Amino acid sequence: MKEKVCTAQYPHHEETVLALPCAKLVEHPLRLPYYNPMHLDGLTAFIKVSGLLEPILVQPLDDGNYQILNGHYRVRAVRRLRHKTILGHIYPCDHRKALVIFCTANLLTKSLSALEEAMMMKVLAQSYFSDPP
């Protein structure tokens, strides 16, 4: 069950922070399957002691699940701690906007390999220079 925490109005959409069921969170298809074990261990330990300081960002899917746009490590850490829910911003958006958010968040917040950066830039370029999906 979703527990409403707060709602904030923005000019073009409504963004809501909810306690989202971890079982309803799905990875973004561009998310690589590798997780740095040291980073994940440290984040898990921090969340265990201090709690989650920053909600994740998700977009709602048609099947009732939520696709993670930002916060994959936080989701992994919370799942390791066997939490049933995680705080998340729900951001309804189209496919292109979701790609921009996912790629930008990853390009700005963590060290990516040259291959990962190139893959994300290619996807963004294809998304913006091709016909709408």
C-alpha atoms as a PDB file:
ATOM      1  CA  MET A   1       0.000   0.000   0.000  1.00  0.00           C
ATOM      2  CA  LYS A   2       1.266   3.438  -0.907  1.00  0.00           C
ATOM      3  CA  GLU A   3       1.563   5.826   2.001  1.00  0.00           C
ATOM      4  CA  LYS A   4       1.366   9.458   0.931  1.00  0.00           C
ATOM      5  CA  VAL A   5       4.080  11.534   2.521  1.00  0.00           C
ATOM      6  CA  CYS A   6       3.751  14.909   0.796  1.00  0.00           C
ATOM      7  CA  THR A   7       2.759  16.530  -2.486  1.00  0.00           C
ATOM      8  CA  ALA A   8       4.338  19.471  -4.257  1.00  0.00           C
ATOM      9  CA  GLN A   9       2.931  21.316  -7.245  1.00  0.00           C
ATOM     10  CA  TYR A  10       5.181  22.189 -10.170  1.00  0.00           C
ATOM     11  CA  PRO A  11       4.205  24.243 -13.221  1.00  0.00           C
ATOM     12  CA  HIS A  12       3.780  21.322 -15.631  1.00  0.00           C
ATOM     13  CA  HIS A  13       3.111  18.292 -13.446  1.00  0.00           C
ATOM     14  CA  GLU A  14       2.440  17.083  -9.955  1.00  0.00           C
ATOM     15  CA  GLU A  15       5.299  15.389  -8.172  1.00  0.00           C
ATOM     16  CA  THR A  16       4.471  13.259  -5.175  1.00  0.00           C
ATOM     17  CA  VAL A  17       6.660  11.627  -2.538  1.00  0.00           C
ATOM     18  CA  LEU A  18       5.307   8.270  -1.417  1.00  0.00           C
ATOM     19  CA  ALA A  19       6.446   5.256   0.528  1.00  0.00           C
ATOM     20  CA  LEU A  20       6.685   2.909  -2.465  1.00  0.00           C
ATOM     21  CA  PRO A  21       6.656  -0.895  -2.166  1.00  0.00           C
ATOM     22  CA  CYS A  22      10.125  -2.194  -3.032  1.00  0.00           C
ATOM     23  CA  ALA A  23       8.497  -5.138  -4.822  1.00  0.00           C
ATOM     24  CA  LYS A  24       6.936  -2.743  -7.356  1.00  0.00           C
ATOM     25  CA  LEU A  25      10.235  -1.114  -8.406  1.00  0.00           C
ATOM     26  CA  VAL A  26      11.824  -2.147 -11.697  1.00  0.00           C
ATOM     27  CA  GLU A  27      15.212  -1.237 -13.098  1.00  0.00           C
ATOM     28  CA  HIS A  28      15.538   1.129 -16.023  1.00  0.00           C
ATOM     29  CA  PRO A  29      16.398  -0.915 -19.145  1.00  0.00           C
ATOM     30  CA  LEU A  30      19.635   1.054 -19.651  1.00  0.00           C
ATOM     31  CA  ARG A  31      20.848   0.260 -16.135  1.00  0.00           C
ATOM     32  CA  LEU A  32      23.890  -1.950 -16.353  1.00  0.00           C
ATOM     33  CA  PRO A  33      23.726  -5.044 -14.119  1.00  0.00           C
ATOM     34  CA  TYR A  34      26.993  -4.226 -12.321  1.00  0.00           C
ATOM     35  CA  TYR A  35      26.930  -2.671  -8.844  1.00  0.00           C
ATOM     36  CA  ASN A  36      30.163  -1.623  -7.121  1.00  0.00           C
ATOM     37  CA  PRO A  37      30.173  -3.864  -4.035  1.00  0.00           C
ATOM     38  CA  MET A  38      32.172  -1.436  -1.867  1.00  0.00           C
ATOM     39  CA  HIS A  39      29.860   1.462  -2.680  1.00  0.00           C
ATOM     40  CA  LEU A  40      26.789  -0.684  -2.058  1.00  0.00           C
ATOM     41  CA  ASP A  41      28.172  -1.973   1.272  1.00  0.00           C
ATOM     42  CA  GLY A  42      28.940   1.565   2.444  1.00  0.00           C
ATOM     43  CA  LEU A  43      25.549   2.905   1.387  1.00  0.00           C
ATOM     44  CA  THR A  44      23.745   0.002   3.064  1.00  0.00           C
ATOM     45  CA  ALA A  45      25.617   0.616   6.323  1.00  0.00           C
ATOM     46  CA  PHE A  46      24.872   4.336   6.151  1.00  0.00           C
ATOM     47  CA  ILE A  47      21.151   3.837   5.524  1.00  0.00           C
ATOM     48  CA  LYS A  48      20.996   1.311   8.370  1.00  0.00           C
ATOM     49  CA  VAL A  49      22.379   3.904  10.794  1.00  0.00           C
ATOM     50  CA  SER A  50      21.015   7.190   9.418  1.00  0.00           C
ATOM     51  CA  GLY A  51      18.061   6.225   7.277  1.00  0.00           C
ATOM     52  CA  LEU A  52      17.387   7.207   3.687  1.00  0.00           C
ATOM     53  CA  LEU A  53      18.208  10.898   3.274  1.00  0.00           C
ATOM     54  CA  GLU A  54      17.159  11.330  -0.349  1.00  0.00           C
ATOM     55  CA  PRO A  55      14.094   9.744  -1.977  1.00  0.00           C
ATOM     56  CA  ILE A  56      14.520   7.890  -5.250  1.00  0.00           C
ATOM     57  CA  LEU A  57      12.953   9.112  -8.500  1.00  0.00           C
ATOM     58  CA  VAL A  58      10.556   6.850 -10.412  1.00  0.00           C
ATOM     59  CA  GLN A  59       8.049   7.040 -13.213  1.00  0.00           C
ATOM     60  CA  PRO A  60       4.771   5.133 -13.023  1.00  0.00           C
ATOM     61  CA  LEU A  61       4.309   2.293 -15.510  1.00  0.00           C
ATOM     62  CA  ASP A  62       1.058   1.087 -17.055  1.00  0.00           C
ATOM     63  CA  ASP A  63       1.268  -2.243 -15.194  1.00  0.00           C
ATOM     64  CA  GLY A  64       1.215  -0.586 -11.750  1.00  0.00           C
ATOM     65  CA  ASN A  65       4.974  -0.844 -11.191  1.00  0.00           C
ATOM     66  CA  TYR A  66       7.466   2.015 -11.043  1.00  0.00           C
ATOM     67  CA  GLN A  67      10.583   2.340 -13.196  1.00  0.00           C
ATOM     68  CA  ILE A  68      13.607   3.667 -11.327  1.00  0.00           C
ATOM     69  CA  LEU A  69      15.056   6.766 -12.978  1.00  0.00           C
ATOM     70  CA  ASN A  70      17.470   7.717 -10.187  1.00  0.00           C
ATOM     71  CA  GLY A  71      18.399   5.789  -7.052  1.00  0.00           C
ATOM     72  CA  HIS A  72      19.246   2.259  -8.135  1.00  0.00           C
ATOM     73  CA  TYR A  73      21.924   1.910  -5.453  1.00  0.00           C
ATOM     74  CA  ARG A  74      19.560   3.229  -2.776  1.00  0.00           C
ATOM     75  CA  VAL A  75      16.956   0.653  -3.819  1.00  0.00           C
ATOM     76  CA  ARG A  76      19.533  -2.147  -3.660  1.00  0.00           C
ATOM     77  CA  ALA A  77      20.692  -1.001  -0.221  1.00  0.00           C
ATOM     78  CA  VAL A  78      17.143  -0.763   1.169  1.00  0.00           C
ATOM     79  CA  ARG A  79      16.312  -4.207  -0.232  1.00  0.00           C
ATOM     80  CA  ARG A  80      19.434  -5.614   1.448  1.00  0.00           C
ATOM     81  CA  LEU A  81      18.087  -4.231   4.719  1.00  0.00           C
ATOM     82  CA  ARG A  82      14.790  -6.005   3.970  1.00  0.00           C
ATOM     83  CA  HIS A  83      12.745  -2.818   4.056  1.00  0.00           C
ATOM     84  CA  LYS A  84       9.350  -3.264   2.429  1.00  0.00           C
ATOM     85  CA  THR A  85       9.080   0.370   1.246  1.00  0.00           C
ATOM     86  CA  ILE A  86      11.304   3.232   0.136  1.00  0.00           C
ATOM     87  CA  LEU A  87      10.540   6.929  -0.200  1.00  0.00           C
ATOM     88  CA  GLY A  88      10.263   7.962  -3.816  1.00  0.00           C
ATOM     89  CA  HIS A  89       9.307  10.899  -5.971  1.00  0.00           C
ATOM     90  CA  ILE A  90       6.784   9.835  -8.598  1.00  0.00           C
ATOM     91  CA  TYR A  91       7.441  11.762 -11.783  1.00  0.00           C
ATOM     92  CA  PRO A  92       4.998  11.028 -14.606  1.00  0.00           C
ATOM     93  CA  CYS A  93       6.813  11.612 -17.889  1.00  0.00           C
ATOM     94  CA  ASP A  94       7.098  10.357 -21.431  1.00  0.00           C
ATOM     95  CA  HIS A  95       9.764   7.990 -22.755  1.00  0.00           C
ATOM     96  CA  ARG A  96      12.127  10.744 -23.909  1.00  0.00           C
ATOM     97  CA  LYS A  97      11.973  12.694 -20.664  1.00  0.00           C
ATOM     98  CA  ALA A  98      12.615   9.477 -18.713  1.00  0.00           C
ATOM     99  CA  LEU A  99      15.727   8.815 -20.833  1.00  0.00           C
ATOM    100  CA  VAL A 100      17.022  12.334 -20.266  1.00  0.00           C
ATOM    101  CA  ILE A 101      16.491  12.080 -16.510  1.00  0.00           C
ATOM    102  CA  PHE A 102      18.085   8.629 -16.262  1.00  0.00           C
ATOM    103  CA  CYS A 103      21.108   9.495 -18.404  1.00  0.00           C
ATOM    104  CA  THR A 104      21.670  12.942 -16.922  1.00  0.00           C
ATOM    105  CA  ALA A 105      21.433  11.676 -13.344  1.00  0.00           C
ATOM    106  CA  ASN A 106      23.998   8.977 -14.086  1.00  0.00           C
ATOM    107  CA  LEU A 107      26.329  11.233 -16.040  1.00  0.00           C
ATOM    108  CA  LEU A 108      26.335  13.848 -13.268  1.00  0.00           C
ATOM    109  CA  THR A 109      26.372  11.748 -10.113  1.00  0.00           C
ATOM    110  CA  LYS A 110      28.784   8.892 -10.624  1.00  0.00           C
ATOM    111  CA  SER A 111      31.929   7.921 -12.446  1.00  0.00           C
ATOM    112  CA  LEU A 112      31.069   6.058 -15.604  1.00  0.00           C
ATOM    113  CA  SER A 113      33.387   4.260 -17.951  1.00  0.00           C
ATOM    114  CA  ALA A 114      33.913   5.756 -21.389  1.00  0.00           C
ATOM    115  CA  LEU A 115      31.797   2.923 -22.799  1.00  0.00           C
ATOM    116  CA  GLU A 116      28.888   3.675 -20.407  1.00  0.00           C
ATOM    117  CA  GLU A 117      29.039   7.398 -21.219  1.00  0.00           C
ATOM    118  CA  ALA A 118      29.112   6.695 -24.948  1.00  0.00           C
ATOM    119  CA  MET A 119      26.146   4.324 -24.668  1.00  0.00           C
ATOM    120  CA  MET A 120      24.066   6.921 -22.814  1.00  0.00           C
ATOM    121  CA  MET A 121      24.980   9.713 -25.214  1.00  0.00           C
ATOM    122  CA  LYS A 122      24.063   7.472 -28.169  1.00  0.00           C
ATOM    123  CA  VAL A 123      20.657   6.652 -26.657  1.00  0.00           C
ATOM    124  CA  LEU A 124      19.959  10.324 -25.944  1.00  0.00           C
ATOM    125  CA  ALA A 125      20.964  11.366 -29.454  1.00  0.00           C
ATOM    126  CA  GLN A 126      18.828   8.632 -31.031  1.00  0.00           C
ATOM    127  CA  SER A 127      15.897   9.611 -28.850  1.00  0.00           C
ATOM    128  CA  TYR A 128      16.033  13.270 -29.833  1.00  0.00           C
ATOM    129  CA  PHE A 129      16.854  12.864 -33.499  1.00  0.00           C
ATOM    130  CA  SER A 130      14.416  10.097 -34.330  1.00  0.00           C
ATOM    131  CA  ASP A 131      10.670   9.991 -34.640  1.00  0.00           C
ATOM    132  CA  PRO A 132       8.684   9.855 -31.390  1.00  0.00           C
ATOM    133  CA  PRO A 133       8.383   6.302 -29.966  1.00  0.00           C
END
